[in-house]
């Protein structure tokens, strides 16, 4: 196991715990986006580029945008 893989797994573990423990919702979305990008890198390391591209597009891209838009609507309703 290379140093890069160890760092990648550590960042993913810290990100998973931090995303569920943080109280700021926008911060949790940003941490989730970083987690998804790390997962895409992990798929690439496992020689699965099709899954890496899908994870980056859907996990880090589309889902994060939908979460941010939902947060914007929720804050708009409460103001």
PDB file of N, CA and C in Angstrom:
ATOM      1  N   UNK A   1       0.846  -1.177   0.000  1.00  0.00           N
ATOM      2  CA  UNK A   1       0.000   0.000   0.000  1.00  0.00           C
ATOM      3  C   UNK A   1       0.890   1.238   0.000  1.00  0.00           C
ATOM      4  N   UNK A   2       0.641   2.126  -0.922  1.00  0.00           N
ATOM      5  CA  UNK A   2       1.471   3.317  -1.047  1.00  0.00           C
ATOM      6  C   UNK A   2       1.033   4.385  -0.054  1.00  0.00           C
ATOM      7  N   UNK A   3       1.887   5.381   0.117  1.00  0.00           N
ATOM      8  CA  UNK A   3       1.584   6.492   1.013  1.00  0.00           C
ATOM      9  C   UNK A   3       0.348   7.248   0.526  1.00  0.00           C
ATOM     10  N   UNK A   4       0.210   7.390  -0.791  1.00  0.00           N
ATOM     11  CA  UNK A   4      -0.944   8.084  -1.352  1.00  0.00           C
ATOM     12  C   UNK A   4      -2.242   7.384  -0.971  1.00  0.00           C
ATOM     13  N   UNK A   5      -2.274   6.060  -1.044  1.00  0.00           N
ATOM     14  CA  UNK A   5      -3.473   5.314  -0.682  1.00  0.00           C
ATOM     15  C   UNK A   5      -3.798   5.454   0.796  1.00  0.00           C
ATOM     16  N   UNK A   6      -2.783   5.460   1.634  1.00  0.00           N
ATOM     17  CA  UNK A   6      -3.003   5.615   3.075  1.00  0.00           C
ATOM     18  C   UNK A   6      -3.580   6.998   3.378  1.00  0.00           C
ATOM     19  N   UNK A   7      -3.004   8.029   2.772  1.00  0.00           N
ATOM     20  CA  UNK A   7      -3.511   9.389   2.974  1.00  0.00           C
ATOM     21  C   UNK A   7      -4.947   9.502   2.438  1.00  0.00           C
ATOM     22  N   UNK A   8      -5.210   8.916   1.311  1.00  0.00           N
ATOM     23  CA  UNK A   8      -6.547   8.939   0.727  1.00  0.00           C
ATOM     24  C   UNK A   8      -7.567   8.296   1.656  1.00  0.00           C
ATOM     25  N   UNK A   9      -7.243   7.150   2.205  1.00  0.00           N
ATOM     26  CA  UNK A   9      -8.160   6.477   3.120  1.00  0.00           C
ATOM     27  C   UNK A   9      -8.347   7.251   4.418  1.00  0.00           C
ATOM     28  N   UNK A  10      -7.286   7.860   4.918  1.00  0.00           N
ATOM     29  CA  UNK A  10      -7.418   8.672   6.128  1.00  0.00           C
ATOM     30  C   UNK A  10      -8.320   9.885   5.900  1.00  0.00           C
ATOM     31  N   UNK A  11      -8.138  10.552   4.765  1.00  0.00           N
ATOM     32  CA  UNK A  11      -8.984  11.706   4.442  1.00  0.00           C
ATOM     33  C   UNK A  11     -10.441  11.274   4.299  1.00  0.00           C
ATOM     34  N   UNK A  12     -10.672  10.117   3.708  1.00  0.00           N
ATOM     35  CA  UNK A  12     -12.044   9.632   3.557  1.00  0.00           C
ATOM     36  C   UNK A  12     -12.668   9.303   4.912  1.00  0.00           C
ATOM     37  N   UNK A  13     -11.912   8.684   5.800  1.00  0.00           N
ATOM     38  CA  UNK A  13     -12.454   8.360   7.127  1.00  0.00           C
ATOM     39  C   UNK A  13     -12.747   9.632   7.921  1.00  0.00           C
ATOM     40  N   UNK A  14     -11.839  10.581   7.891  1.00  0.00           N
ATOM     41  CA  UNK A  14     -12.059  11.844   8.594  1.00  0.00           C
ATOM     42  C   UNK A  14     -13.241  12.592   7.984  1.00  0.00           C
ATOM     43  N   UNK A  15     -13.345  12.590   6.672  1.00  0.00           N
ATOM     44  CA  UNK A  15     -14.458  13.259   6.003  1.00  0.00           C
ATOM     45  C   UNK A  15     -15.806  12.643   6.328  1.00  0.00           C
ATOM     46  N   UNK A  16     -15.857  11.325   6.420  1.00  0.00           N
ATOM     47  CA  UNK A  16     -17.121  10.658   6.745  1.00  0.00           C
ATOM     48  C   UNK A  16     -17.584  11.021   8.149  1.00  0.00           C
ATOM     49  N   UNK A  17     -16.665  11.045   9.091  1.00  0.00           N
ATOM     50  CA  UNK A  17     -17.020  11.409  10.467  1.00  0.00           C
ATOM     51  C   UNK A  17     -17.369  12.889  10.545  1.00  0.00           C
ATOM     52  N   UNK A  18     -16.592  13.722   9.884  1.00  0.00           N
ATOM     53  CA  UNK A  18     -16.823  15.170   9.946  1.00  0.00           C
ATOM     54  C   UNK A  18     -18.140  15.571   9.295  1.00  0.00           C
ATOM     55  N   UNK A  19     -18.514  14.929   8.202  1.00  0.00           N
ATOM     56  CA  UNK A  19     -19.763  15.286   7.518  1.00  0.00           C
ATOM     57  C   UNK A  19     -20.976  14.992   8.383  1.00  0.00           C
ATOM     58  N   UNK A  20     -20.896  13.970   9.203  1.00  0.00           N
ATOM     59  CA  UNK A  20     -22.033  13.658  10.056  1.00  0.00           C
ATOM     60  C   UNK A  20     -21.988  14.415  11.380  1.00  0.00           C
ATOM     61  N   UNK A  21     -20.821  14.912  11.790  1.00  0.00           N
ATOM     62  CA  UNK A  21     -20.692  15.570  13.088  1.00  0.00           C
ATOM     63  C   UNK A  21     -20.816  17.092  13.009  1.00  0.00           C
ATOM     64  N   UNK A  22     -20.582  17.675  11.859  1.00  0.00           N
ATOM     65  CA  UNK A  22     -20.580  19.134  11.747  1.00  0.00           C
ATOM     66  C   UNK A  22     -22.015  19.670  11.839  1.00  0.00           C
ATOM     67  N   UNK A  23     -22.159  20.826  12.449  1.00  0.00           N
ATOM     68  CA  UNK A  23     -23.496  21.400  12.632  1.00  0.00           C
ATOM     69  C   UNK A  23     -23.876  22.358  11.499  1.00  0.00           C
ATOM     70  N   UNK A  24     -22.895  22.881  10.804  1.00  0.00           N
ATOM     71  CA  UNK A  24     -23.147  23.782   9.683  1.00  0.00           C
ATOM     72  C   UNK A  24     -23.498  22.949   8.450  1.00  0.00           C
ATOM     73  N   UNK A  25     -24.694  23.136   7.905  1.00  0.00           N
ATOM     74  CA  UNK A  25     -25.143  22.308   6.791  1.00  0.00           C
ATOM     75  C   UNK A  25     -24.339  22.548   5.519  1.00  0.00           C
ATOM     76  N   UNK A  26     -23.998  23.783   5.237  1.00  0.00           N
ATOM     77  CA  UNK A  26     -23.188  24.064   4.047  1.00  0.00           C
ATOM     78  C   UNK A  26     -21.807  23.441   4.186  1.00  0.00           C
ATOM     79  N   UNK A  27     -21.244  23.485   5.375  1.00  0.00           N
ATOM     80  CA  UNK A  27     -19.965  22.831   5.620  1.00  0.00           C
ATOM     81  C   UNK A  27     -20.052  21.333   5.412  1.00  0.00           C
ATOM     82  N   UNK A  28     -21.176  20.731   5.829  1.00  0.00           N
ATOM     83  CA  UNK A  28     -21.363  19.296   5.632  1.00  0.00           C
ATOM     84  C   UNK A  28     -21.449  18.953   4.147  1.00  0.00           C
ATOM     85  N   UNK A  29     -22.085  19.812   3.365  1.00  0.00           N
ATOM     86  CA  UNK A  29     -22.167  19.581   1.920  1.00  0.00           C
ATOM     87  C   UNK A  29     -20.786  19.675   1.286  1.00  0.00           C
ATOM     88  N   UNK A  30     -19.986  20.633   1.720  1.00  0.00           N
ATOM     89  CA  UNK A  30     -18.639  20.783   1.170  1.00  0.00           C
ATOM     90  C   UNK A  30     -17.779  19.580   1.544  1.00  0.00           C
ATOM     91  N   UNK A  31     -17.892  19.114   2.780  1.00  0.00           N
ATOM     92  CA  UNK A  31     -17.134  17.932   3.197  1.00  0.00           C
ATOM     93  C   UNK A  31     -17.589  16.711   2.404  1.00  0.00           C
ATOM     94  N   UNK A  32     -18.905  16.599   2.172  1.00  0.00           N
ATOM     95  CA  UNK A  32     -19.421  15.494   1.362  1.00  0.00           C
ATOM     96  C   UNK A  32     -18.864  15.542  -0.054  1.00  0.00           C
ATOM     97  N   UNK A  33     -18.739  16.740  -0.615  1.00  0.00           N
ATOM     98  CA  UNK A  33     -18.194  16.888  -1.957  1.00  0.00           C
ATOM     99  C   UNK A  33     -16.733  16.436  -2.002  1.00  0.00           C
ATOM    100  N   UNK A  34     -15.961  16.824  -0.993  1.00  0.00           N
ATOM    101  CA  UNK A  34     -14.561  16.390  -0.923  1.00  0.00           C
ATOM    102  C   UNK A  34     -14.489  14.872  -0.763  1.00  0.00           C
ATOM    103  N   UNK A  35     -15.384  14.320   0.065  1.00  0.00           N
ATOM    104  CA  UNK A  35     -15.427  12.870   0.247  1.00  0.00           C
ATOM    105  C   UNK A  35     -15.709  12.173  -1.091  1.00  0.00           C
ATOM    106  N   UNK A  36     -16.633  12.702  -1.866  1.00  0.00           N
ATOM    107  CA  UNK A  36     -16.951  12.098  -3.156  1.00  0.00           C
ATOM    108  C   UNK A  36     -15.767  12.180  -4.118  1.00  0.00           C
ATOM    109  N   UNK A  37     -15.049  13.291  -4.084  1.00  0.00           N
ATOM    110  CA  UNK A  37     -13.864  13.404  -4.936  1.00  0.00           C
ATOM    111  C   UNK A  37     -12.783  12.403  -4.511  1.00  0.00           C
ATOM    112  N   UNK A  38     -12.628  12.208  -3.210  1.00  0.00           N
ATOM    113  CA  UNK A  38     -11.666  11.205  -2.728  1.00  0.00           C
ATOM    114  C   UNK A  38     -12.100   9.800  -3.149  1.00  0.00           C
ATOM    115  N   UNK A  39     -13.403   9.560  -3.133  1.00  0.00           N
ATOM    116  CA  UNK A  39     -13.907   8.259  -3.573  1.00  0.00           C
ATOM    117  C   UNK A  39     -13.642   8.062  -5.063  1.00  0.00           C
ATOM    118  N   UNK A  40     -13.761   9.121  -5.842  1.00  0.00           N
ATOM    119  CA  UNK A  40     -13.454   9.027  -7.268  1.00  0.00           C
ATOM    120  C   UNK A  40     -11.971   8.698  -7.477  1.00  0.00           C
ATOM    121  N   UNK A  41     -11.113   9.318  -6.667  1.00  0.00           N
ATOM    122  CA  UNK A  41      -9.685   8.992  -6.761  1.00  0.00           C
ATOM    123  C   UNK A  41      -9.426   7.540  -6.364  1.00  0.00           C
ATOM    124  N   UNK A  42     -10.150   7.065  -5.370  1.00  0.00           N
ATOM    125  CA  UNK A  42      -9.994   5.668  -4.963  1.00  0.00           C
ATOM    126  C   UNK A  42     -10.414   4.720  -6.074  1.00  0.00           C
ATOM    127  N   UNK A  43     -11.529   5.017  -6.745  1.00  0.00           N
ATOM    128  CA  UNK A  43     -11.948   4.179  -7.876  1.00  0.00           C
ATOM    129  C   UNK A  43     -10.888   4.186  -8.972  1.00  0.00           C
ATOM    130  N   UNK A  44     -10.282   5.344  -9.207  1.00  0.00           N
ATOM    131  CA  UNK A  44      -9.228   5.429 -10.220  1.00  0.00           C
ATOM    132  C   UNK A  44      -8.021   4.584  -9.809  1.00  0.00           C
ATOM    133  N   UNK A  45      -7.671   4.611  -8.535  1.00  0.00           N
ATOM    134  CA  UNK A  45      -6.562   3.799  -8.042  1.00  0.00           C
ATOM    135  C   UNK A  45      -6.839   2.308  -8.188  1.00  0.00           C
ATOM    136  N   UNK A  46      -8.117   1.933  -8.145  1.00  0.00           N
ATOM    137  CA  UNK A  46      -8.510   0.528  -8.279  1.00  0.00           C
ATOM    138  C   UNK A  46      -8.730   0.132  -9.739  1.00  0.00           C
ATOM    139  N   UNK A  47      -8.267   0.991 -10.657  1.00  0.00           N
ATOM    140  CA  UNK A  47      -8.372   0.751 -12.102  1.00  0.00           C
ATOM    141  C   UNK A  47      -9.811   0.583 -12.574  1.00  0.00           C
ATOM    142  N   UNK A  48     -10.688   1.452 -12.079  1.00  0.00           N
ATOM    143  CA  UNK A  48     -12.082   1.472 -12.515  1.00  0.00           C
ATOM    144  C   UNK A  48     -12.428   2.906 -12.945  1.00  0.00           C
ATOM    145  N   UNK A  49     -11.905   3.336 -14.102  1.00  0.00           N
ATOM    146  CA  UNK A  49     -12.107   4.735 -14.505  1.00  0.00           C
ATOM    147  C   UNK A  49     -13.563   5.077 -14.789  1.00  0.00           C
ATOM    148  N   UNK A  50     -14.361   4.112 -15.226  1.00  0.00           N
ATOM    149  CA  UNK A  50     -15.765   4.399 -15.479  1.00  0.00           C
ATOM    150  C   UNK A  50     -16.492   4.741 -14.183  1.00  0.00           C
ATOM    151  N   UNK A  51     -16.193   4.036 -13.117  1.00  0.00           N
ATOM    152  CA  UNK A  51     -16.794   4.347 -11.826  1.00  0.00           C
ATOM    153  C   UNK A  51     -16.256   5.660 -11.265  1.00  0.00           C
ATOM    154  N   UNK A  52     -14.992   5.947 -11.516  1.00  0.00           N
ATOM    155  CA  UNK A  52     -14.400   7.197 -11.041  1.00  0.00           C
ATOM    156  C   UNK A  52     -15.079   8.399 -11.692  1.00  0.00           C
ATOM    157  N   UNK A  53     -15.304   8.320 -12.985  1.00  0.00           N
ATOM    158  CA  UNK A  53     -15.962   9.420 -13.691  1.00  0.00           C
ATOM    159  C   UNK A  53     -17.395   9.580 -13.206  1.00  0.00           C
ATOM    160  N   UNK A  54     -18.090   8.469 -13.008  1.00  0.00           N
ATOM    161  CA  UNK A  54     -19.472   8.529 -12.526  1.00  0.00           C
ATOM    162  C   UNK A  54     -19.525   9.104 -11.118  1.00  0.00           C
ATOM    163  N   UNK A  55     -18.632   8.684 -10.248  1.00  0.00           N
ATOM    164  CA  UNK A  55     -18.608   9.200  -8.877  1.00  0.00           C
ATOM    165  C   UNK A  55     -18.311  10.692  -8.864  1.00  0.00           C
ATOM    166  N   UNK A  56     -17.379  11.128  -9.688  1.00  0.00           N
ATOM    167  CA  UNK A  56     -17.040  12.554  -9.735  1.00  0.00           C
ATOM    168  C   UNK A  56     -18.213  13.370 -10.276  1.00  0.00           C
ATOM    169  N   UNK A  57     -18.871  12.871 -11.303  1.00  0.00           N
ATOM    170  CA  UNK A  57     -19.966  13.619 -11.907  1.00  0.00           C
ATOM    171  C   UNK A  57     -21.209  13.637 -11.025  1.00  0.00           C
ATOM    172  N   UNK A  58     -21.593  12.484 -10.532  1.00  0.00           N
ATOM    173  CA  UNK A  58     -22.833  12.388  -9.762  1.00  0.00           C
ATOM    174  C   UNK A  58     -22.595  12.738  -8.291  1.00  0.00           C
ATOM    175  N   UNK A  59     -21.602  12.119  -7.673  1.00  0.00           N
ATOM    176  CA  UNK A  59     -21.378  12.320  -6.249  1.00  0.00           C
ATOM    177  C   UNK A  59     -20.897  13.711  -5.910  1.00  0.00           C
ATOM    178  N   UNK A  60     -19.831  14.141  -6.548  1.00  0.00           N
ATOM    179  CA  UNK A  60     -19.260  15.443  -6.230  1.00  0.00           C
ATOM    180  C   UNK A  60     -19.934  16.572  -6.992  1.00  0.00           C
ATOM    181  N   UNK A  61     -20.440  16.297  -8.167  1.00  0.00           N
ATOM    182  CA  UNK A  61     -21.017  17.352  -8.987  1.00  0.00           C
ATOM    183  C   UNK A  61     -22.496  17.563  -8.772  1.00  0.00           C
ATOM    184  N   UNK A  62     -23.285  16.679  -9.304  1.00  0.00           N
ATOM    185  CA  UNK A  62     -24.738  16.860  -9.322  1.00  0.00           C
ATOM    186  C   UNK A  62     -25.348  16.852  -7.925  1.00  0.00           C
ATOM    187  N   UNK A  63     -24.975  15.905  -7.102  1.00  0.00           N
ATOM    188  CA  UNK A  63     -25.555  15.815  -5.764  1.00  0.00           C
ATOM    189  C   UNK A  63     -25.204  17.034  -4.925  1.00  0.00           C
ATOM    190  N   UNK A  64     -23.972  17.514  -5.025  1.00  0.00           N
ATOM    191  CA  UNK A  64     -23.570  18.692  -4.263  1.00  0.00           C
ATOM    192  C   UNK A  64     -24.342  19.927  -4.712  1.00  0.00           C
ATOM    193  N   UNK A  65     -24.538  20.070  -5.995  1.00  0.00           N
ATOM    194  CA  UNK A  65     -25.311  21.207  -6.507  1.00  0.00           C
ATOM    195  C   UNK A  65     -26.749  21.131  -5.999  1.00  0.00           C
ATOM    196  N   UNK A  66     -27.343  19.938  -6.029  1.00  0.00           N
ATOM    197  CA  UNK A  66     -28.714  19.786  -5.530  1.00  0.00           C
ATOM    198  C   UNK A  66     -28.804  20.085  -4.036  1.00  0.00           C
ATOM    199  N   UNK A  67     -27.803  19.658  -3.262  1.00  0.00           N
ATOM    200  CA  UNK A  67     -27.791  19.960  -1.829  1.00  0.00           C
ATOM    201  C   UNK A  67     -27.697  21.461  -1.582  1.00  0.00           C
ATOM    202  N   UNK A  68     -26.833  22.149  -2.320  1.00  0.00           N
ATOM    203  CA  UNK A  68     -26.677  23.596  -2.139  1.00  0.00           C
ATOM    204  C   UNK A  68     -27.966  24.321  -2.534  1.00  0.00           C
ATOM    205  N   UNK A  69     -28.592  23.925  -3.630  1.00  0.00           N
ATOM    206  CA  UNK A  69     -29.849  24.546  -4.027  1.00  0.00           C
ATOM    207  C   UNK A  69     -30.945  24.298  -2.989  1.00  0.00           C
ATOM    208  N   UNK A  70     -30.970  23.111  -2.407  1.00  0.00           N
ATOM    209  CA  UNK A  70     -31.945  22.812  -1.362  1.00  0.00           C
ATOM    210  C   UNK A  70     -31.697  23.674  -0.135  1.00  0.00           C
ATOM    211  N   UNK A  71     -30.433  23.835   0.259  1.00  0.00           N
ATOM    212  CA  UNK A  71     -30.122  24.694   1.390  1.00  0.00           C
ATOM    213  C   UNK A  71     -30.526  26.131   1.124  1.00  0.00           C
ATOM    214  N   UNK A  72     -30.323  26.594  -0.102  1.00  0.00           N
ATOM    215  CA  UNK A  72     -30.712  27.955  -0.455  1.00  0.00           C
ATOM    216  C   UNK A  72     -32.231  28.124  -0.341  1.00  0.00           C
ATOM    217  N   UNK A  73     -32.980  27.123  -0.807  1.00  0.00           N
ATOM    218  CA  UNK A  73     -34.447  27.209  -0.708  1.00  0.00           C
ATOM    219  C   UNK A  73     -34.909  27.161   0.742  1.00  0.00           C
ATOM    220  N   UNK A  74     -34.303  26.321   1.546  1.00  0.00           N
ATOM    221  CA  UNK A  74     -34.692  26.209   2.957  1.00  0.00           C
ATOM    222  C   UNK A  74     -34.414  27.525   3.683  1.00  0.00           C
ATOM    223  N   UNK A  75     -33.244  28.100   3.454  1.00  0.00           N
ATOM    224  CA  UNK A  75     -32.921  29.382   4.108  1.00  0.00           C
ATOM    225  C   UNK A  75     -33.810  30.501   3.584  1.00  0.00           C
ATOM    226  N   UNK A  76     -34.225  30.426   2.337  1.00  0.00           N
ATOM    227  CA  UNK A  76     -35.135  31.418   1.770  1.00  0.00           C
ATOM    228  C   UNK A  76     -36.513  31.355   2.404  1.00  0.00           C
ATOM    229  N   UNK A  77     -36.960  30.147   2.739  1.00  0.00           N
ATOM    230  CA  UNK A  77     -38.257  29.993   3.372  1.00  0.00           C
ATOM    231  C   UNK A  77     -38.256  30.448   4.824  1.00  0.00           C
ATOM    232  N   UNK A  78     -37.153  30.245   5.516  1.00  0.00           N
ATOM    233  CA  UNK A  78     -37.120  30.581   6.939  1.00  0.00           C
ATOM    234  C   UNK A  78     -36.862  32.058   7.194  1.00  0.00           C
ATOM    235  N   UNK A  79     -36.395  32.800   6.197  1.00  0.00           N
ATOM    236  CA  UNK A  79     -36.070  34.212   6.389  1.00  0.00           C
ATOM    237  C   UNK A  79     -37.283  35.093   6.303  1.00  0.00           C
TER     238      UNK A  79
END
